[in-house]
Amino acid sequence: MRERALAIRSEGPVRAVQSLRDYEPGDQVRARLQLSGRGLFRKPTAGVDVRGDGTFMPFKGGVVREELDPTHHDTPFDLVRETLEAEER
């Protein structure tokens, strides 16, 4: 996931979009990378959104996503790994 996210970010920022309202690069999700853990019915899911401005936003959940705060982690990818490991228990 880390390699793919870095490759997407290296493509450069996206342009602002004007539609019914203005969407700045930081408001846009350029790519969503998601992993699922083990489980029979409700598999734990977490991933990283690559924003249009090149930032990474970790999240957990599939259909209903919750953004995670990466402040106390070295990288957002570490937080995704820890989230999946904790939810598999």
PDB file of N, CA and C in Angstrom:
ATOM      1  N   MET A   1       0.828  -1.179   0.000  1.00  0.00           N
ATOM      2  CA  MET A   1       0.000   0.000   0.000  1.00  0.00           C
ATOM      3  C   MET A   1       0.878   1.251   0.000  1.00  0.00           C
ATOM      4  N   ARG A   2       1.931   1.240   0.800  1.00  0.00           N
ATOM      5  CA  ARG A   2       2.811   2.398   0.895  1.00  0.00           C
ATOM      6  C   ARG A   2       3.440   2.719  -0.460  1.00  0.00           C
ATOM      7  N   GLU A   3       3.949   1.711  -1.136  1.00  0.00           N
ATOM      8  CA  GLU A   3       4.590   1.931  -2.441  1.00  0.00           C
ATOM      9  C   GLU A   3       3.603   2.511  -3.456  1.00  0.00           C
ATOM     10  N   ARG A   4       2.407   1.964  -3.495  1.00  0.00           N
ATOM     11  CA  ARG A   4       1.400   2.442  -4.459  1.00  0.00           C
ATOM     12  C   ARG A   4       0.972   3.877  -4.124  1.00  0.00           C
ATOM     13  N   ALA A   5       0.782   4.176  -2.850  1.00  0.00           N
ATOM     14  CA  ALA A   5       0.390   5.527  -2.442  1.00  0.00           C
ATOM     15  C   ALA A   5       1.477   6.544  -2.793  1.00  0.00           C
ATOM     16  N   LEU A   6       2.730   6.188  -2.566  1.00  0.00           N
ATOM     17  CA  LEU A   6       3.826   7.097  -2.907  1.00  0.00           C
ATOM     18  C   LEU A   6       3.934   7.294  -4.418  1.00  0.00           C
ATOM     19  N   ALA A   7       3.679   6.243  -5.188  1.00  0.00           N
ATOM     20  CA  ALA A   7       3.703   6.364  -6.652  1.00  0.00           C
ATOM     21  C   ALA A   7       2.596   7.292  -7.142  1.00  0.00           C
ATOM     22  N   ILE A   8       1.415   7.182  -6.555  1.00  0.00           N
ATOM     23  CA  ILE A   8       0.306   8.054  -6.938  1.00  0.00           C
ATOM     24  C   ILE A   8       0.633   9.505  -6.588  1.00  0.00           C
ATOM     25  N   ARG A   9       1.174   9.718  -5.393  1.00  0.00           N
ATOM     26  CA  ARG A   9       1.521  11.077  -4.978  1.00  0.00           C
ATOM     27  C   ARG A   9       2.599  11.674  -5.875  1.00  0.00           C
ATOM     28  N   SER A  10       3.518  10.862  -6.360  1.00  0.00           N
ATOM     29  CA  SER A  10       4.610  11.372  -7.200  1.00  0.00           C
ATOM     30  C   SER A  10       4.122  11.873  -8.559  1.00  0.00           C
ATOM     31  N   GLU A  11       2.888  11.543  -8.925  1.00  0.00           N
ATOM     32  CA  GLU A  11       2.327  12.033 -10.184  1.00  0.00           C
ATOM     33  C   GLU A  11       2.023  13.518 -10.128  1.00  0.00           C
ATOM     34  N   GLY A  12       2.101  14.105  -8.944  1.00  0.00           N
ATOM     35  CA  GLY A  12       1.875  15.536  -8.786  1.00  0.00           C
ATOM     36  C   GLY A  12       0.467  15.850  -8.336  1.00  0.00           C
ATOM     37  N   PRO A  13       0.231  17.118  -7.983  1.00  0.00           N
ATOM     38  CA  PRO A  13      -1.093  17.508  -7.488  1.00  0.00           C
ATOM     39  C   PRO A  13      -2.124  17.567  -8.602  1.00  0.00           C
ATOM     40  N   VAL A  14      -3.380  17.485  -8.204  1.00  0.00           N
ATOM     41  CA  VAL A  14      -4.476  17.635  -9.164  1.00  0.00           C
ATOM     42  C   VAL A  14      -4.887  19.102  -9.207  1.00  0.00           C
ATOM     43  N   ARG A  15      -5.632  19.457 -10.209  1.00  0.00           N
ATOM     44  CA  ARG A  15      -6.126  20.832 -10.342  1.00  0.00           C
ATOM     45  C   ARG A  15      -7.410  21.007  -9.542  1.00  0.00           C
ATOM     46  N   ALA A  16      -7.668  22.249  -9.199  1.00  0.00           N
ATOM     47  CA  ALA A  16      -8.948  22.575  -8.562  1.00  0.00           C
ATOM     48  C   ALA A  16     -10.055  22.319  -9.576  1.00  0.00           C
ATOM     49  N   VAL A  17     -11.220  21.929  -9.090  1.00  0.00           N
ATOM     50  CA  VAL A  17     -12.365  21.634  -9.947  1.00  0.00           C
ATOM     51  C   VAL A  17     -13.501  22.580  -9.579  1.00  0.00           C
ATOM     52  N   GLN A  18     -14.142  23.108 -10.593  1.00  0.00           N
ATOM     53  CA  GLN A  18     -15.310  23.957 -10.363  1.00  0.00           C
ATOM     54  C   GLN A  18     -16.527  23.263 -10.938  1.00  0.00           C
ATOM     55  N   SER A  19     -17.486  23.010 -10.079  1.00  0.00           N
ATOM     56  CA  SER A  19     -18.737  22.374 -10.488  1.00  0.00           C
ATOM     57  C   SER A  19     -19.848  23.185  -9.845  1.00  0.00           C
ATOM     58  N   LEU A  20     -20.666  22.573  -9.052  1.00  0.00           N
ATOM     59  CA  LEU A  20     -21.653  23.336  -8.290  1.00  0.00           C
ATOM     60  C   LEU A  20     -20.970  24.170  -7.210  1.00  0.00           C
ATOM     61  N   ARG A  21     -19.793  23.744  -6.821  1.00  0.00           N
ATOM     62  CA  ARG A  21     -18.943  24.493  -5.896  1.00  0.00           C
ATOM     63  C   ARG A  21     -17.496  24.234  -6.269  1.00  0.00           C
ATOM     64  N   ASP A  22     -16.574  24.928  -5.638  1.00  0.00           N
ATOM     65  CA  ASP A  22     -15.149  24.753  -5.923  1.00  0.00           C
ATOM     66  C   ASP A  22     -14.575  23.648  -5.045  1.00  0.00           C
ATOM     67  N   TYR A  23     -13.776  22.781  -5.666  1.00  0.00           N
ATOM     68  CA  TYR A  23     -13.098  21.703  -4.947  1.00  0.00           C
ATOM     69  C   TYR A  23     -11.597  21.905  -5.111  1.00  0.00           C
ATOM     70  N   GLU A  24     -10.948  22.279  -4.027  1.00  0.00           N
ATOM     71  CA  GLU A  24      -9.502  22.454  -4.033  1.00  0.00           C
ATOM     72  C   GLU A  24      -8.843  21.077  -4.012  1.00  0.00           C
ATOM     73  N   PRO A  25      -7.567  20.986  -4.408  1.00  0.00           N
ATOM     74  CA  PRO A  25      -6.893  19.682  -4.421  1.00  0.00           C
ATOM     75  C   PRO A  25      -6.979  18.921  -3.093  1.00  0.00           C
ATOM     76  N   GLY A  26      -6.882  19.615  -1.969  1.00  0.00           N
ATOM     77  CA  GLY A  26      -6.965  18.955  -0.668  1.00  0.00           C
ATOM     78  C   GLY A  26      -8.340  18.405  -0.348  1.00  0.00           C
ATOM     79  N   ASP A  27      -9.358  18.872  -1.067  1.00  0.00           N
ATOM     80  CA  ASP A  27     -10.727  18.387  -0.867  1.00  0.00           C
ATOM     81  C   ASP A  27     -11.026  17.151  -1.705  1.00  0.00           C
ATOM     82  N   GLN A  28     -10.172  16.854  -2.660  1.00  0.00           N
ATOM     83  CA  GLN A  28     -10.410  15.752  -3.595  1.00  0.00           C
ATOM     84  C   GLN A  28      -9.641  14.505  -3.162  1.00  0.00           C
ATOM     85  N   VAL A  29     -10.235  13.344  -3.387  1.00  0.00           N
ATOM     86  CA  VAL A  29      -9.544  12.077  -3.157  1.00  0.00           C
ATOM     87  C   VAL A  29      -9.064  11.576  -4.510  1.00  0.00           C
ATOM     88  N   ARG A  30      -7.762  11.540  -4.664  1.00  0.00           N
ATOM     89  CA  ARG A  30      -7.179  11.082  -5.929  1.00  0.00           C
ATOM     90  C   ARG A  30      -7.226   9.560  -6.032  1.00  0.00           C
ATOM     91  N   ALA A  31      -6.988   8.892  -4.917  1.00  0.00           N
ATOM     92  CA  ALA A  31      -7.026   7.421  -4.899  1.00  0.00           C
ATOM     93  C   ALA A  31      -7.377   6.956  -3.490  1.00  0.00           C
ATOM     94  N   ARG A  32      -8.065   5.832  -3.417  1.00  0.00           N
ATOM     95  CA  ARG A  32      -8.398   5.222  -2.130  1.00  0.00           C
ATOM     96  C   ARG A  32      -7.795   3.821  -2.139  1.00  0.00           C
ATOM     97  N   LEU A  33      -6.872   3.589  -1.214  1.00  0.00           N
ATOM     98  CA  LEU A  33      -6.228   2.287  -1.078  1.00  0.00           C
ATOM     99  C   LEU A  33      -6.741   1.661   0.205  1.00  0.00           C
ATOM    100  N   GLN A  34      -7.238   0.434   0.104  1.00  0.00           N
ATOM    101  CA  GLN A  34      -7.946  -0.179   1.223  1.00  0.00           C
ATOM    102  C   GLN A  34      -7.522  -1.624   1.380  1.00  0.00           C
ATOM    103  N   LEU A  35      -7.365  -2.065   2.620  1.00  0.00           N
ATOM    104  CA  LEU A  35      -7.045  -3.451   2.944  1.00  0.00           C
ATOM    105  C   LEU A  35      -8.127  -4.011   3.850  1.00  0.00           C
ATOM    106  N   SER A  36      -8.379  -5.292   3.704  1.00  0.00           N
ATOM    107  CA  SER A  36      -9.326  -5.978   4.582  1.00  0.00           C
ATOM    108  C   SER A  36      -8.583  -7.036   5.369  1.00  0.00           C
ATOM    109  N   GLY A  37      -8.927  -7.142   6.645  1.00  0.00           N
ATOM    110  CA  GLY A  37      -8.322  -8.147   7.500  1.00  0.00           C
ATOM    111  C   GLY A  37      -9.085  -9.452   7.426  1.00  0.00           C
ATOM    112  N   ARG A  38      -8.793 -10.318   8.374  1.00  0.00           N
ATOM    113  CA  ARG A  38      -9.465 -11.613   8.412  1.00  0.00           C
ATOM    114  C   ARG A  38     -10.788 -11.496   9.126  1.00  0.00           C
ATOM    115  N   GLY A  39     -11.697 -12.330   8.737  1.00  0.00           N
ATOM    116  CA  GLY A  39     -12.994 -12.363   9.386  1.00  0.00           C
ATOM    117  C   GLY A  39     -13.990 -13.068   8.490  1.00  0.00           C
ATOM    118  N   LEU A  40     -14.982 -13.676   9.093  1.00  0.00           N
ATOM    119  CA  LEU A  40     -15.962 -14.424   8.320  1.00  0.00           C
ATOM    120  C   LEU A  40     -17.053 -13.513   7.769  1.00  0.00           C
ATOM    121  N   PHE A  41     -17.582 -12.635   8.593  1.00  0.00           N
ATOM    122  CA  PHE A  41     -18.686 -11.795   8.148  1.00  0.00           C
ATOM    123  C   PHE A  41     -18.268 -10.342   7.967  1.00  0.00           C
ATOM    124  N   ARG A  42     -17.914  -9.688   9.034  1.00  0.00           N
ATOM    125  CA  ARG A  42     -17.551  -8.275   8.956  1.00  0.00           C
ATOM    126  C   ARG A  42     -16.038  -8.135   9.087  1.00  0.00           C
ATOM    127  N   LYS A  43     -15.353  -8.245   7.971  1.00  0.00           N
ATOM    128  CA  LYS A  43     -13.905  -8.145   7.983  1.00  0.00           C
ATOM    129  C   LYS A  43     -13.489  -6.727   8.336  1.00  0.00           C
ATOM    130  N   PRO A  44     -12.477  -6.583   9.205  1.00  0.00           N
ATOM    131  CA  PRO A  44     -11.988  -5.241   9.500  1.00  0.00           C
ATOM    132  C   PRO A  44     -11.358  -4.644   8.240  1.00  0.00           C
ATOM    133  N   THR A  45     -11.648  -3.376   7.992  1.00  0.00           N
ATOM    134  CA  THR A  45     -11.166  -2.695   6.800  1.00  0.00           C
ATOM    135  C   THR A  45     -10.534  -1.378   7.214  1.00  0.00           C
ATOM    136  N   ALA A  46      -9.393  -1.071   6.617  1.00  0.00           N
ATOM    137  CA  ALA A  46      -8.720   0.208   6.852  1.00  0.00           C
ATOM    138  C   ALA A  46      -7.910   0.543   5.613  1.00  0.00           C
ATOM    139  N   GLY A  47      -7.569   1.800   5.477  1.00  0.00           N
ATOM    140  CA  GLY A  47      -6.808   2.198   4.310  1.00  0.00           C
ATOM    141  C   GLY A  47      -6.359   3.641   4.378  1.00  0.00           C
ATOM    142  N   VAL A  48      -5.937   4.142   3.217  1.00  0.00           N
ATOM    143  CA  VAL A  48      -5.416   5.500   3.099  1.00  0.00           C
ATOM    144  C   VAL A  48      -6.032   6.150   1.868  1.00  0.00           C
ATOM    145  N   ASP A  49      -6.534   7.370   2.048  1.00  0.00           N
ATOM    146  CA  ASP A  49      -6.931   8.191   0.909  1.00  0.00           C
ATOM    147  C   ASP A  49      -5.726   9.036   0.513  1.00  0.00           C
ATOM    148  N   VAL A  50      -5.411   9.045  -0.773  1.00  0.00           N
ATOM    149  CA  VAL A  50      -4.385   9.940  -1.288  1.00  0.00           C
ATOM    150  C   VAL A  50      -5.139  11.166  -1.789  1.00  0.00           C
ATOM    151  N   ARG A  51      -4.960  12.285  -1.112  1.00  0.00           N
ATOM    152  CA  ARG A  51      -5.666  13.505  -1.471  1.00  0.00           C
ATOM    153  C   ARG A  51      -5.003  14.173  -2.675  1.00  0.00           C
ATOM    154  N   GLY A  52      -5.741  15.034  -3.324  1.00  0.00           N
ATOM    155  CA  GLY A  52      -5.254  15.714  -4.514  1.00  0.00           C
ATOM    156  C   GLY A  52      -4.047  16.599  -4.273  1.00  0.00           C
ATOM    157  N   ASP A  53      -3.830  17.019  -3.017  1.00  0.00           N
ATOM    158  CA  ASP A  53      -2.664  17.841  -2.698  1.00  0.00           C
ATOM    159  C   ASP A  53      -1.473  17.006  -2.251  1.00  0.00           C
ATOM    160  N   GLY A  54      -1.596  15.672  -2.314  1.00  0.00           N
ATOM    161  CA  GLY A  54      -0.493  14.779  -1.967  1.00  0.00           C
ATOM    162  C   GLY A  54      -0.481  14.312  -0.533  1.00  0.00           C
ATOM    163  N   THR A  55      -1.422  14.744   0.278  1.00  0.00           N
ATOM    164  CA  THR A  55      -1.454  14.295   1.664  1.00  0.00           C
ATOM    165  C   THR A  55      -2.150  12.933   1.754  1.00  0.00           C
ATOM    166  N   PHE A  56      -1.856  12.214   2.833  1.00  0.00           N
ATOM    167  CA  PHE A  56      -2.459  10.914   3.093  1.00  0.00           C
ATOM    168  C   PHE A  56      -3.408  11.045   4.282  1.00  0.00           C
ATOM    169  N   MET A  57      -4.605  10.472   4.152  1.00  0.00           N
ATOM    170  CA  MET A  57      -5.564  10.468   5.252  1.00  0.00           C
ATOM    171  C   MET A  57      -5.958   9.022   5.546  1.00  0.00           C
ATOM    172  N   PRO A  58      -5.490   8.469   6.675  1.00  0.00           N
ATOM    173  CA  PRO A  58      -5.863   7.098   7.025  1.00  0.00           C
ATOM    174  C   PRO A  58      -7.316   7.037   7.495  1.00  0.00           C
ATOM    175  N   PHE A  59      -7.937   5.893   7.271  1.00  0.00           N
ATOM    176  CA  PHE A  59      -9.327   5.692   7.686  1.00  0.00           C
ATOM    177  C   PHE A  59      -9.547   4.251   8.062  1.00  0.00           C
ATOM    178  N   LYS A  60     -10.659   4.005   8.768  1.00  0.00           N
ATOM    179  CA  LYS A  60     -11.080   2.633   9.022  1.00  0.00           C
ATOM    180  C   LYS A  60     -12.536   2.523   8.633  1.00  0.00           C
ATOM    181  N   GLY A  61     -12.957   1.322   8.294  1.00  0.00           N
ATOM    182  CA  GLY A  61     -14.332   1.077   7.884  1.00  0.00           C
ATOM    183  C   GLY A  61     -14.447   0.964   6.378  1.00  0.00           C
ATOM    184  N   GLY A  62     -15.490   0.295   5.936  1.00  0.00           N
ATOM    185  CA  GLY A  62     -15.719   0.096   4.508  1.00  0.00           C
ATOM    186  C   GLY A  62     -16.686   1.116   3.958  1.00  0.00           C
ATOM    187  N   VAL A  63     -17.971   0.806   4.028  1.00  0.00           N
ATOM    188  CA  VAL A  63     -18.998   1.710   3.510  1.00  0.00           C
ATOM    189  C   VAL A  63     -19.053   2.971   4.367  1.00  0.00           C
ATOM    190  N   VAL A  64     -19.069   2.793   5.669  1.00  0.00           N
ATOM    191  CA  VAL A  64     -19.049   3.924   6.590  1.00  0.00           C
ATOM    192  C   VAL A  64     -17.609   4.075   7.081  1.00  0.00           C
ATOM    193  N   ARG A  65     -16.941   5.117   6.603  1.00  0.00           N
ATOM    194  CA  ARG A  65     -15.536   5.313   6.941  1.00  0.00           C
ATOM    195  C   ARG A  65     -15.386   6.334   8.062  1.00  0.00           C
ATOM    196  N   GLU A  66     -14.376   6.112   8.878  1.00  0.00           N
ATOM    197  CA  GLU A  66     -14.016   7.038   9.947  1.00  0.00           C
ATOM    198  C   GLU A  66     -12.558   7.447   9.737  1.00  0.00           C
ATOM    199  N   GLU A  67     -12.307   8.734   9.589  1.00  0.00           N
ATOM    200  CA  GLU A  67     -10.934   9.203   9.439  1.00  0.00           C
ATOM    201  C   GLU A  67     -10.195   9.004  10.750  1.00  0.00           C
ATOM    202  N   LEU A  68      -8.937   8.595  10.652  1.00  0.00           N
ATOM    203  CA  LEU A  68      -8.110   8.337  11.823  1.00  0.00           C
ATOM    204  C   LEU A  68      -7.078   9.450  11.977  1.00  0.00           C
ATOM    205  N   ASP A  69      -6.712   9.742  13.200  1.00  0.00           N
ATOM    206  CA  ASP A  69      -5.735  10.786  13.486  1.00  0.00           C
ATOM    207  C   ASP A  69      -4.327  10.176  13.522  1.00  0.00           C
ATOM    208  N   PRO A  70      -3.476  10.505  12.537  1.00  0.00           N
ATOM    209  CA  PRO A  70      -2.143   9.915  12.479  1.00  0.00           C
ATOM    210  C   PRO A  70      -1.098  10.644  13.318  1.00  0.00           C
ATOM    211  N   THR A  71      -1.509  11.575  14.167  1.00  0.00           N
ATOM    212  CA  THR A  71      -0.581  12.433  14.903  1.00  0.00           C
ATOM    213  C   THR A  71       0.474  11.650  15.681  1.00  0.00           C
ATOM    214  N   HIS A  72       0.098  10.601  16.349  1.00  0.00           N
ATOM    215  CA  HIS A  72       1.033   9.879  17.224  1.00  0.00           C
ATOM    216  C   HIS A  72       1.646   8.647  16.567  1.00  0.00           C
ATOM    217  N   HIS A  73       1.708   8.649  15.245  1.00  0.00           N
ATOM    218  CA  HIS A  73       2.297   7.535  14.503  1.00  0.00           C
ATOM    219  C   HIS A  73       3.351   8.069  13.536  1.00  0.00           C
ATOM    220  N   ASP A  74       4.336   7.240  13.239  1.00  0.00           N
ATOM    221  CA  ASP A  74       5.392   7.659  12.314  1.00  0.00           C
ATOM    222  C   ASP A  74       4.833   7.925  10.927  1.00  0.00           C
ATOM    223  N   THR A  75       3.957   7.041  10.458  1.00  0.00           N
ATOM    224  CA  THR A  75       3.347   7.214   9.140  1.00  0.00           C
ATOM    225  C   THR A  75       1.877   6.818   9.225  1.00  0.00           C
ATOM    226  N   PRO A  76       1.052   7.279   8.292  1.00  0.00           N
ATOM    227  CA  PRO A  76      -0.347   6.839   8.294  1.00  0.00           C
ATOM    228  C   PRO A  76      -0.475   5.342   8.016  1.00  0.00           C
ATOM    229  N   PHE A  77       0.523   4.768   7.358  1.00  0.00           N
ATOM    230  CA  PHE A  77       0.493   3.340   7.039  1.00  0.00           C
ATOM    231  C   PHE A  77       0.673   2.496   8.304  1.00  0.00           C
ATOM    232  N   ASP A  78       1.462   3.002   9.261  1.00  0.00           N
ATOM    233  CA  ASP A  78       1.601   2.317  10.550  1.00  0.00           C
ATOM    234  C   ASP A  78       0.261   2.280  11.279  1.00  0.00           C
ATOM    235  N   LEU A  79      -0.478   3.375  11.195  1.00  0.00           N
ATOM    236  CA  LEU A  79      -1.786   3.443  11.842  1.00  0.00           C
ATOM    237  C   LEU A  79      -2.768   2.465  11.200  1.00  0.00           C
ATOM    238  N   VAL A  80      -2.733   2.330   9.888  1.00  0.00           N
ATOM    239  CA  VAL A  80      -3.599   1.362   9.199  1.00  0.00           C
ATOM    240  C   VAL A  80      -3.275  -0.050   9.661  1.00  0.00           C
ATOM    241  N   ARG A  81      -1.990  -0.379   9.725  1.00  0.00           N
ATOM    242  CA  ARG A  81      -1.579  -1.713  10.164  1.00  0.00           C
ATOM    243  C   ARG A  81      -2.047  -1.979  11.593  1.00  0.00           C
ATOM    244  N   GLU A  82      -1.819  -1.023  12.487  1.00  0.00           N
ATOM    245  CA  GLU A  82      -2.231  -1.192  13.876  1.00  0.00           C
ATOM    246  C   GLU A  82      -3.749  -1.332  13.995  1.00  0.00           C
ATOM    247  N   THR A  83      -4.489  -0.574  13.204  1.00  0.00           N
ATOM    248  CA  THR A  83      -5.949  -0.648  13.235  1.00  0.00           C
ATOM    249  C   THR A  83      -6.438  -2.021  12.810  1.00  0.00           C
ATOM    250  N   LEU A  84      -5.873  -2.557  11.737  1.00  0.00           N
ATOM    251  CA  LEU A  84      -6.283  -3.884  11.278  1.00  0.00           C
ATOM    252  C   LEU A  84      -5.912  -4.963  12.282  1.00  0.00           C
ATOM    253  N   GLU A  85      -4.720  -4.859  12.854  1.00  0.00           N
ATOM    254  CA  GLU A  85      -4.292  -5.857  13.834  1.00  0.00           C
ATOM    255  C   GLU A  85      -5.180  -5.828  15.076  1.00  0.00           C
ATOM    256  N   ALA A  86      -5.560  -4.636  15.525  1.00  0.00           N
ATOM    257  CA  ALA A  86      -6.393  -4.508  16.730  1.00  0.00           C
ATOM    258  C   ALA A  86      -7.799  -5.038  16.481  1.00  0.00           C
ATOM    259  N   GLU A  87      -8.334  -4.809  15.287  1.00  0.00           N
ATOM    260  CA  GLU A  87      -9.709  -5.235  15.000  1.00  0.00           C
ATOM    261  C   GLU A  87      -9.809  -6.724  14.673  1.00  0.00           C
ATOM    262  N   GLU A  88      -8.687  -7.366  14.361  1.00  0.00           N
ATOM    263  CA  GLU A  88      -8.710  -8.806  14.082  1.00  0.00           C
ATOM    264  C   GLU A  88      -8.782  -9.624  15.363  1.00  0.00           C
ATOM    265  N   ARG A  89      -8.459  -9.016  16.491  1.00  0.00           N
ATOM    266  CA  ARG A  89      -8.439  -9.753  17.762  1.00  0.00           C
ATOM    267  C   ARG A  89      -9.812 -10.006  18.283  1.00  0.00           C
TER     268      ARG A  89
END
